[in-house]
Structure formats: structure tokens, C-alpha cells
Amino acid sequence: MKALLSALFAVMIAVTFAGSTYAAEEKKMDAPAGAPGAPAAPAAPAAPAATPAVGGEMKKEEKKAAKKERKAKKAMKEEKKEEKK
């Protein structure tokens, strides 16, 4: 019985939070364009968002790319030092 009541209580809190968040977003969207707190009008249509890879693969790829970039910069610095000598 306690588990059932606690589950219902958690669902009620989640629904309340989601509803208030949605209402706040709707209020921002209904505001006139020049009003403070209103979202700026987009200059161009938004590009579709890139879908993140499953399992954190995107982060791994980003880390690899950053590591390659650092290595390339380090190699360029070493080449410049060698040219000066």
C-alpha cells in the first residue's frame, strides 16, 4: 500500500512540474516580439539537430578529434622550432 501511494505521489509531482514548465514556455511564446523575456525571432529556419550517437559514442569521437587536433598543433610548433634552428 505504501509503495502504491508513494508511486502515485511521485507521478502527481512529475505531472505538476511538467505542467508548470509547459505553461511557462507557452507564456514566452505568446508574448509580443519586442516584449522583455520574449524569444527573439529566428533569422533563418533552424537546421535539423544532429542526432546523438547511442552509448556516448559522440563524446568518444569528439575526444579523439580533440586529441588529433592537439597532436597536430604540437607537431606544427615543433616544425617551426626546427625551422628557426
PDB file of N, CA and C in Angstrom:
ATOM      1  N   MET A   1       0.834  -1.203   0.000  1.00  0.00           N
ATOM      2  CA  MET A   1       0.000   0.000   0.000  1.00  0.00           C
ATOM      3  C   MET A   1       0.875   1.262   0.000  1.00  0.00           C
ATOM      4  N   LYS A   2       1.954   1.216   0.836  1.00  0.00           N
ATOM      5  CA  LYS A   2       2.848   2.376   0.885  1.00  0.00           C
ATOM      6  C   LYS A   2       3.504   2.608  -0.475  1.00  0.00           C
ATOM      7  N   ALA A   3       3.893   1.524  -1.126  1.00  0.00           N
ATOM      8  CA  ALA A   3       4.545   1.640  -2.434  1.00  0.00           C
ATOM      9  C   ALA A   3       3.599   2.264  -3.453  1.00  0.00           C
ATOM     10  N   LEU A   4       2.351   1.846  -3.412  1.00  0.00           N
ATOM     11  CA  LEU A   4       1.371   2.391  -4.345  1.00  0.00           C
ATOM     12  C   LEU A   4       1.151   3.884  -4.105  1.00  0.00           C
ATOM     13  N   LEU A   5       1.009   4.267  -2.848  1.00  0.00           N
ATOM     14  CA  LEU A   5       0.802   5.687  -2.533  1.00  0.00           C
ATOM     15  C   LEU A   5       2.022   6.530  -2.889  1.00  0.00           C
ATOM     16  N   SER A   6       3.208   6.002  -2.610  1.00  0.00           N
ATOM     17  CA  SER A   6       4.413   6.776  -2.950  1.00  0.00           C
ATOM     18  C   SER A   6       4.567   6.906  -4.459  1.00  0.00           C
ATOM     19  N   ALA A   7       4.195   5.871  -5.199  1.00  0.00           N
ATOM     20  CA  ALA A   7       4.269   5.942  -6.663  1.00  0.00           C
ATOM     21  C   ALA A   7       3.283   6.979  -7.191  1.00  0.00           C
ATOM     22  N   LEU A   8       2.060   6.980  -6.655  1.00  0.00           N
ATOM     23  CA  LEU A   8       1.074   7.974  -7.083  1.00  0.00           C
ATOM     24  C   LEU A   8       1.525   9.388  -6.740  1.00  0.00           C
ATOM     25  N   PHE A   9       2.108   9.554  -5.575  1.00  0.00           N
ATOM     26  CA  PHE A   9       2.606  10.857  -5.160  1.00  0.00           C
ATOM     27  C   PHE A   9       3.706  11.338  -6.115  1.00  0.00           C
ATOM     28  N   ALA A  10       4.631  10.441  -6.478  1.00  0.00           N
ATOM     29  CA  ALA A  10       5.711  10.797  -7.403  1.00  0.00           C
ATOM     30  C   ALA A  10       5.156  11.191  -8.765  1.00  0.00           C
ATOM     31  N   VAL A  11       4.147  10.477  -9.232  1.00  0.00           N
ATOM     32  CA  VAL A  11       3.545  10.791 -10.533  1.00  0.00           C
ATOM     33  C   VAL A  11       2.860  12.154 -10.480  1.00  0.00           C
ATOM     34  N   MET A  12       2.170  12.432  -9.370  1.00  0.00           N
ATOM     35  CA  MET A  12       1.497  13.725  -9.237  1.00  0.00           C
ATOM     36  C   MET A  12       2.506  14.873  -9.245  1.00  0.00           C
ATOM     37  N   ILE A  13       3.622  14.698  -8.566  1.00  0.00           N
ATOM     38  CA  ILE A  13       4.665  15.740  -8.551  1.00  0.00           C
ATOM     39  C   ILE A  13       5.224  15.926  -9.958  1.00  0.00           C
ATOM     40  N   ALA A  14       5.485  14.845 -10.660  1.00  0.00           N
ATOM     41  CA  ALA A  14       6.041  14.938 -12.012  1.00  0.00           C
ATOM     42  C   ALA A  14       5.082  15.650 -12.957  1.00  0.00           C
ATOM     43  N   VAL A  15       3.799  15.322 -12.863  1.00  0.00           N
ATOM     44  CA  VAL A  15       2.808  15.948 -13.739  1.00  0.00           C
ATOM     45  C   VAL A  15       2.691  17.437 -13.426  1.00  0.00           C
ATOM     46  N   THR A  16       2.718  17.787 -12.154  1.00  0.00           N
ATOM     47  CA  THR A  16       2.643  19.201 -11.765  1.00  0.00           C
ATOM     48  C   THR A  16       3.836  19.974 -12.302  1.00  0.00           C
ATOM     49  N   PHE A  17       5.024  19.406 -12.140  1.00  0.00           N
ATOM     50  CA  PHE A  17       6.238  20.073 -12.626  1.00  0.00           C
ATOM     51  C   PHE A  17       6.201  20.222 -14.138  1.00  0.00           C
ATOM     52  N   ALA A  18       5.825  19.175 -14.842  1.00  0.00           N
ATOM     53  CA  ALA A  18       5.774  19.221 -16.304  1.00  0.00           C
ATOM     54  C   ALA A  18       4.749  20.252 -16.769  1.00  0.00           C
ATOM     55  N   GLY A  19       3.609  20.302 -16.095  1.00  0.00           N
ATOM     56  CA  GLY A  19       2.571  21.257 -16.480  1.00  0.00           C
ATOM     57  C   GLY A  19       3.013  22.693 -16.280  1.00  0.00           C
ATOM     58  N   SER A  20       3.671  22.975 -15.161  1.00  0.00           N
ATOM     59  CA  SER A  20       4.109  24.344 -14.918  1.00  0.00           C
ATOM     60  C   SER A  20       5.217  24.754 -15.884  1.00  0.00           C
ATOM     61  N   THR A  21       6.082  23.831 -16.221  1.00  0.00           N
ATOM     62  CA  THR A  21       7.149  24.115 -17.184  1.00  0.00           C
ATOM     63  C   THR A  21       6.555  24.399 -18.558  1.00  0.00           C
ATOM     64  N   TYR A  22       5.589  23.594 -18.964  1.00  0.00           N
ATOM     65  CA  TYR A  22       4.940  23.780 -20.257  1.00  0.00           C
ATOM     66  C   TYR A  22       4.208  25.117 -20.299  1.00  0.00           C
ATOM     67  N   ALA A  23       3.555  25.481 -19.202  1.00  0.00           N
ATOM     68  CA  ALA A  23       2.825  26.747 -19.148  1.00  0.00           C
ATOM     69  C   ALA A  23       3.781  27.926 -19.269  1.00  0.00           C
ATOM     70  N   ALA A  24       4.945  27.834 -18.643  1.00  0.00           N
ATOM     71  CA  ALA A  24       5.922  28.915 -18.724  1.00  0.00           C
ATOM     72  C   ALA A  24       6.426  29.074 -20.161  1.00  0.00           C
ATOM     73  N   GLU A  25       6.658  27.969 -20.847  1.00  0.00           N
ATOM     74  CA  GLU A  25       7.113  28.030 -22.236  1.00  0.00           C
ATOM     75  C   GLU A  25       6.034  28.627 -23.126  1.00  0.00           C
ATOM     76  N   GLU A  26       4.793  28.243 -22.909  1.00  0.00           N
ATOM     77  CA  GLU A  26       3.688  28.784 -23.703  1.00  0.00           C
ATOM     78  C   GLU A  26       3.562  30.290 -23.482  1.00  0.00           C
ATOM     79  N   LYS A  27       3.762  30.725 -22.255  1.00  0.00           N
ATOM     80  CA  LYS A  27       3.659  32.147 -21.942  1.00  0.00           C
ATOM     81  C   LYS A  27       4.740  32.931 -22.690  1.00  0.00           C
ATOM     82  N   LYS A  28       5.945  32.377 -22.768  1.00  0.00           N
ATOM     83  CA  LYS A  28       7.026  33.041 -23.501  1.00  0.00           C
ATOM     84  C   LYS A  28       6.696  33.138 -24.981  1.00  0.00           C
ATOM     85  N   MET A  29       6.119  32.083 -25.522  1.00  0.00           N
ATOM     86  CA  MET A  29       5.820  32.061 -26.954  1.00  0.00           C
ATOM     87  C   MET A  29       4.676  33.011 -27.308  1.00  0.00           C
ATOM     88  N   ASP A  30       3.751  33.253 -26.367  1.00  0.00           N
ATOM     89  CA  ASP A  30       2.619  34.136 -26.629  1.00  0.00           C
ATOM     90  C   ASP A  30       2.971  35.607 -26.492  1.00  0.00           C
ATOM     91  N   ALA A  31       4.107  35.930 -25.884  1.00  0.00           N
ATOM     92  CA  ALA A  31       4.496  37.322 -25.661  1.00  0.00           C
ATOM     93  C   ALA A  31       4.782  37.992 -27.007  1.00  0.00           C
ATOM     94  N   PRO A  32       4.523  39.305 -27.118  1.00  0.00           N
ATOM     95  CA  PRO A  32       4.847  40.011 -28.363  1.00  0.00           C
ATOM     96  C   PRO A  32       6.359  40.001 -28.608  1.00  0.00           C
ATOM     97  N   ALA A  33       6.747  40.202 -29.856  1.00  0.00           N
ATOM     98  CA  ALA A  33       8.151  40.070 -30.234  1.00  0.00           C
ATOM     99  C   ALA A  33       9.068  41.037 -29.494  1.00  0.00           C
ATOM    100  N   GLY A  34       8.637  42.259 -29.214  1.00  0.00           N
ATOM    101  CA  GLY A  34       9.515  43.231 -28.570  1.00  0.00           C
ATOM    102  C   GLY A  34       9.464  43.195 -27.056  1.00  0.00           C
ATOM    103  N   ALA A  35       8.648  42.348 -26.469  1.00  0.00           N
ATOM    104  CA  ALA A  35       8.486  42.314 -25.017  1.00  0.00           C
ATOM    105  C   ALA A  35       9.712  41.705 -24.348  1.00  0.00           C
ATOM    106  N   PRO A  36      10.056  42.198 -23.155  1.00  0.00           N
ATOM    107  CA  PRO A  36      11.190  41.598 -22.447  1.00  0.00           C
ATOM    108  C   PRO A  36      10.870  40.154 -22.079  1.00  0.00           C
ATOM    109  N   GLY A  37      11.843  39.298 -22.228  1.00  0.00           N
ATOM    110  CA  GLY A  37      11.657  37.891 -21.925  1.00  0.00           C
ATOM    111  C   GLY A  37      11.092  37.085 -23.076  1.00  0.00           C
ATOM    112  N   ALA A  38      10.714  37.759 -24.148  1.00  0.00           N
ATOM    113  CA  ALA A  38      10.167  37.048 -25.304  1.00  0.00           C
ATOM    114  C   ALA A  38      11.324  36.505 -26.135  1.00  0.00           C
ATOM    115  N   PRO A  39      11.146  35.352 -26.753  1.00  0.00           N
ATOM    116  CA  PRO A  39      12.213  34.813 -27.584  1.00  0.00           C
ATOM    117  C   PRO A  39      12.402  35.663 -28.833  1.00  0.00           C
ATOM    118  N   ALA A  40      13.637  35.763 -29.286  1.00  0.00           N
ATOM    119  CA  ALA A  40      13.930  36.535 -30.489  1.00  0.00           C
ATOM    120  C   ALA A  40      13.416  35.782 -31.707  1.00  0.00           C
ATOM    121  N   ALA A  41      13.003  36.527 -32.703  1.00  0.00           N
ATOM    122  CA  ALA A  41      12.516  35.908 -33.926  1.00  0.00           C
ATOM    123  C   ALA A  41      13.701  35.307 -34.677  1.00  0.00           C
ATOM    124  N   PRO A  42      13.585  34.091 -35.147  1.00  0.00           N
ATOM    125  CA  PRO A  42      14.709  33.475 -35.852  1.00  0.00           C
ATOM    126  C   PRO A  42      14.938  34.158 -37.194  1.00  0.00           C
ATOM    127  N   ALA A  43      16.223  34.355 -37.536  1.00  0.00           N
ATOM    128  CA  ALA A  43      16.578  35.000 -38.788  1.00  0.00           C
ATOM    129  C   ALA A  43      16.372  34.043 -39.960  1.00  0.00           C
ATOM    130  N   ALA A  44      16.653  32.768 -39.720  1.00  0.00           N
ATOM    131  CA  ALA A  44      16.508  31.766 -40.765  1.00  0.00           C
ATOM    132  C   ALA A  44      15.931  30.508 -40.130  1.00  0.00           C
ATOM    133  N   PRO A  45      15.372  29.632 -40.927  1.00  0.00           N
ATOM    134  CA  PRO A  45      14.854  28.388 -40.355  1.00  0.00           C
ATOM    135  C   PRO A  45      15.981  27.586 -39.713  1.00  0.00           C
ATOM    136  N   ALA A  46      15.671  26.982 -38.610  1.00  0.00           N
ATOM    137  CA  ALA A  46      16.679  26.213 -37.882  1.00  0.00           C
ATOM    138  C   ALA A  46      17.010  24.936 -38.639  1.00  0.00           C
ATOM    139  N   ALA A  47      18.284  24.587 -38.603  1.00  0.00           N
ATOM    140  CA  ALA A  47      18.712  23.343 -39.223  1.00  0.00           C
ATOM    141  C   ALA A  47      18.325  22.185 -38.319  1.00  0.00           C
ATOM    142  N   PRO A  48      18.059  21.041 -38.871  1.00  0.00           N
ATOM    143  CA  PRO A  48      17.714  19.900 -38.017  1.00  0.00           C
ATOM    144  C   PRO A  48      18.888  19.546 -37.115  1.00  0.00           C
ATOM    145  N   ALA A  49      18.585  19.231 -35.880  1.00  0.00           N
ATOM    146  CA  ALA A  49      19.626  18.906 -34.915  1.00  0.00           C
ATOM    147  C   ALA A  49      20.246  17.560 -35.261  1.00  0.00           C
ATOM    148  N   ALA A  50      21.536  17.468 -35.024  1.00  0.00           N
ATOM    149  CA  ALA A  50      22.221  16.205 -35.259  1.00  0.00           C
ATOM    150  C   ALA A  50      21.787  15.214 -34.193  1.00  0.00           C
ATOM    151  N   THR A  51      21.540  14.006 -34.603  1.00  0.00           N
ATOM    152  CA  THR A  51      21.113  13.003 -33.635  1.00  0.00           C
ATOM    153  C   THR A  51      22.330  12.479 -32.893  1.00  0.00           C
ATOM    154  N   PRO A  52      22.279  12.478 -31.567  1.00  0.00           N
ATOM    155  CA  PRO A  52      23.428  11.998 -30.812  1.00  0.00           C
ATOM    156  C   PRO A  52      23.580  10.491 -30.968  1.00  0.00           C
ATOM    157  N   ALA A  53      24.811  10.051 -30.933  1.00  0.00           N
ATOM    158  CA  ALA A  53      25.074   8.628 -31.057  1.00  0.00           C
ATOM    159  C   ALA A  53      24.696   7.922 -29.760  1.00  0.00           C
ATOM    160  N   VAL A  54      24.331   6.702 -29.870  1.00  0.00           N
ATOM    161  CA  VAL A  54      23.907   5.925 -28.705  1.00  0.00           C
ATOM    162  C   VAL A  54      25.124   5.488 -27.916  1.00  0.00           C
ATOM    163  N   GLY A  55      25.026   5.536 -26.606  1.00  0.00           N
ATOM    164  CA  GLY A  55      26.074   4.992 -25.758  1.00  0.00           C
ATOM    165  C   GLY A  55      27.279   5.893 -25.583  1.00  0.00           C
ATOM    166  N   GLY A  56      27.155   7.182 -25.803  1.00  0.00           N
ATOM    167  CA  GLY A  56      28.281   8.084 -25.579  1.00  0.00           C
ATOM    168  C   GLY A  56      29.332   8.021 -26.667  1.00  0.00           C
ATOM    169  N   GLU A  57      29.005   7.470 -27.813  1.00  0.00           N
ATOM    170  CA  GLU A  57      29.982   7.378 -28.891  1.00  0.00           C
ATOM    171  C   GLU A  57      30.365   8.740 -29.418  1.00  0.00           C
ATOM    172  N   MET A  58      29.444   9.691 -29.364  1.00  0.00           N
ATOM    173  CA  MET A  58      29.730  11.031 -29.853  1.00  0.00           C
ATOM    174  C   MET A  58      30.837  11.658 -29.010  1.00  0.00           C
ATOM    175  N   LYS A  59      30.775  11.477 -27.718  1.00  0.00           N
ATOM    176  CA  LYS A  59      31.804  12.031 -26.849  1.00  0.00           C
ATOM    177  C   LYS A  59      33.153  11.402 -27.155  1.00  0.00           C
ATOM    178  N   LYS A  60      33.156  10.109 -27.406  1.00  0.00           N
ATOM    179  CA  LYS A  60      34.407   9.434 -27.734  1.00  0.00           C
ATOM    180  C   LYS A  60      34.996  10.008 -29.015  1.00  0.00           C
ATOM    181  N   GLU A  61      34.140  10.215 -30.013  1.00  0.00           N
ATOM    182  CA  GLU A  61      34.608  10.764 -31.283  1.00  0.00           C
ATOM    183  C   GLU A  61      35.130  12.186 -31.099  1.00  0.00           C
ATOM    184  N   GLU A  62      34.436  12.979 -30.267  1.00  0.00           N
ATOM    185  CA  GLU A  62      34.885  14.339 -30.021  1.00  0.00           C
ATOM    186  C   GLU A  62      36.232  14.354 -29.309  1.00  0.00           C
ATOM    187  N   LYS A  63      36.405  13.448 -28.364  1.00  0.00           N
ATOM    188  CA  LYS A  63      37.679  13.369 -27.647  1.00  0.00           C
ATOM    189  C   LYS A  63      38.800  12.980 -28.597  1.00  0.00           C
ATOM    190  N   LYS A  64      38.531  12.031 -29.483  1.00  0.00           N
ATOM    191  CA  LYS A  64      39.542  11.615 -30.449  1.00  0.00           C
ATOM    192  C   LYS A  64      39.917  12.776 -31.367  1.00  0.00           C
ATOM    193  N   ALA A  65      38.912  13.519 -31.821  1.00  0.00           N
ATOM    194  CA  ALA A  65      39.181  14.643 -32.713  1.00  0.00           C
ATOM    195  C   ALA A  65      39.996  15.720 -31.999  1.00  0.00           C
ATOM    196  N   ALA A  66      39.667  15.984 -30.734  1.00  0.00           N
ATOM    197  CA  ALA A  66      40.410  16.987 -29.973  1.00  0.00           C
ATOM    198  C   ALA A  66      41.853  16.536 -29.762  1.00  0.00           C
ATOM    199  N   LYS A  67      42.026  15.252 -29.514  1.00  0.00           N
ATOM    200  CA  LYS A  67      43.381  14.725 -29.304  1.00  0.00           C
ATOM    201  C   LYS A  67      44.209  14.851 -30.590  1.00  0.00           C
ATOM    202  N   LYS A  68      43.599  14.535 -31.730  1.00  0.00           N
ATOM    203  CA  LYS A  68      44.294  14.672 -33.011  1.00  0.00           C
ATOM    204  C   LYS A  68      44.664  16.129 -33.264  1.00  0.00           C
ATOM    205  N   GLU A  69      43.762  17.019 -32.907  1.00  0.00           N
ATOM    206  CA  GLU A  69      43.999  18.445 -33.105  1.00  0.00           C
ATOM    207  C   GLU A  69      45.188  18.916 -32.264  1.00  0.00           C
ATOM    208  N   ARG A  70      45.232  18.482 -31.005  1.00  0.00           N
ATOM    209  CA  ARG A  70      46.354  18.864 -30.132  1.00  0.00           C
ATOM    210  C   ARG A  70      47.671  18.324 -30.670  1.00  0.00           C
ATOM    211  N   LYS A  71      47.644  17.077 -31.159  1.00  0.00           N
ATOM    212  CA  LYS A  71      48.858  16.485 -31.715  1.00  0.00           C
ATOM    213  C   LYS A  71      49.324  17.270 -32.937  1.00  0.00           C
ATOM    214  N   ALA A  72      48.389  17.670 -33.781  1.00  0.00           N
ATOM    215  CA  ALA A  72      48.746  18.422 -34.982  1.00  0.00           C
ATOM    216  C   ALA A  72      49.352  19.776 -34.610  1.00  0.00           C
ATOM    217  N   LYS A  73      48.771  20.453 -33.621  1.00  0.00           N
ATOM    218  CA  LYS A  73      49.310  21.740 -33.187  1.00  0.00           C
ATOM    219  C   LYS A  73      50.699  21.578 -32.617  1.00  0.00           C
ATOM    220  N   LYS A  74      50.886  20.515 -31.836  1.00  0.00           N
ATOM    221  CA  LYS A  74      52.197  20.269 -31.232  1.00  0.00           C
ATOM    222  C   LYS A  74      53.237  19.986 -32.315  1.00  0.00           C
ATOM    223  N   ALA A  75      52.854  19.218 -33.321  1.00  0.00           N
ATOM    224  CA  ALA A  75      53.771  18.911 -34.420  1.00  0.00           C
ATOM    225  C   ALA A  75      54.140  20.176 -35.182  1.00  0.00           C
ATOM    226  N   MET A  76      53.169  21.069 -35.389  1.00  0.00           N
ATOM    227  CA  MET A  76      53.453  22.319 -36.096  1.00  0.00           C
ATOM    228  C   MET A  76      54.415  23.190 -35.302  1.00  0.00           C
ATOM    229  N   LYS A  77      54.236  23.247 -33.994  1.00  0.00           N
ATOM    230  CA  LYS A  77      55.139  24.034 -33.150  1.00  0.00           C
ATOM    231  C   LYS A  77      56.552  23.483 -33.219  1.00  0.00           C
ATOM    232  N   GLU A  78      56.664  22.146 -33.188  1.00  0.00           N
ATOM    233  CA  GLU A  78      57.999  21.534 -33.270  1.00  0.00           C
ATOM    234  C   GLU A  78      58.641  21.817 -34.617  1.00  0.00           C
ATOM    235  N   GLU A  79      57.856  21.800 -35.695  1.00  0.00           N
ATOM    236  CA  GLU A  79      58.401  22.098 -37.021  1.00  0.00           C
ATOM    237  C   GLU A  79      58.903  23.525 -37.092  1.00  0.00           C
ATOM    238  N   LYS A  80      58.155  24.453 -36.505  1.00  0.00           N
ATOM    239  CA  LYS A  80      58.582  25.849 -36.503  1.00  0.00           C
ATOM    240  C   LYS A  80      59.864  26.037 -35.726  1.00  0.00           C
ATOM    241  N   LYS A  81      59.990  25.330 -34.614  1.00  0.00           N
ATOM    242  CA  LYS A  81      61.227  25.413 -33.819  1.00  0.00           C
ATOM    243  C   LYS A  81      62.411  24.884 -34.620  1.00  0.00           C
ATOM    244  N   GLU A  82      62.208  23.789 -35.341  1.00  0.00           N
ATOM    245  CA  GLU A  82      63.272  23.213 -36.145  1.00  0.00           C
ATOM    246  C   GLU A  82      63.661  24.134 -37.298  1.00  0.00           C
ATOM    247  N   GLU A  83      62.673  24.838 -37.877  1.00  0.00           N
ATOM    248  CA  GLU A  83      62.963  25.766 -38.972  1.00  0.00           C
ATOM    249  C   GLU A  83      63.792  26.926 -38.485  1.00  0.00           C
ATOM    250  N   LYS A  84      63.542  27.390 -37.273  1.00  0.00           N
ATOM    251  CA  LYS A  84      64.292  28.522 -36.718  1.00  0.00           C
ATOM    252  C   LYS A  84      65.757  28.146 -36.483  1.00  0.00           C
ATOM    253  N   LYS A  85      66.033  26.877 -36.193  1.00  0.00           N
ATOM    254  CA  LYS A  85      67.406  26.447 -35.927  1.00  0.00           C
ATOM    255  C   LYS A  85      68.154  26.240 -37.166  1.00  0.00           C
TER     256      LYS A  85
END
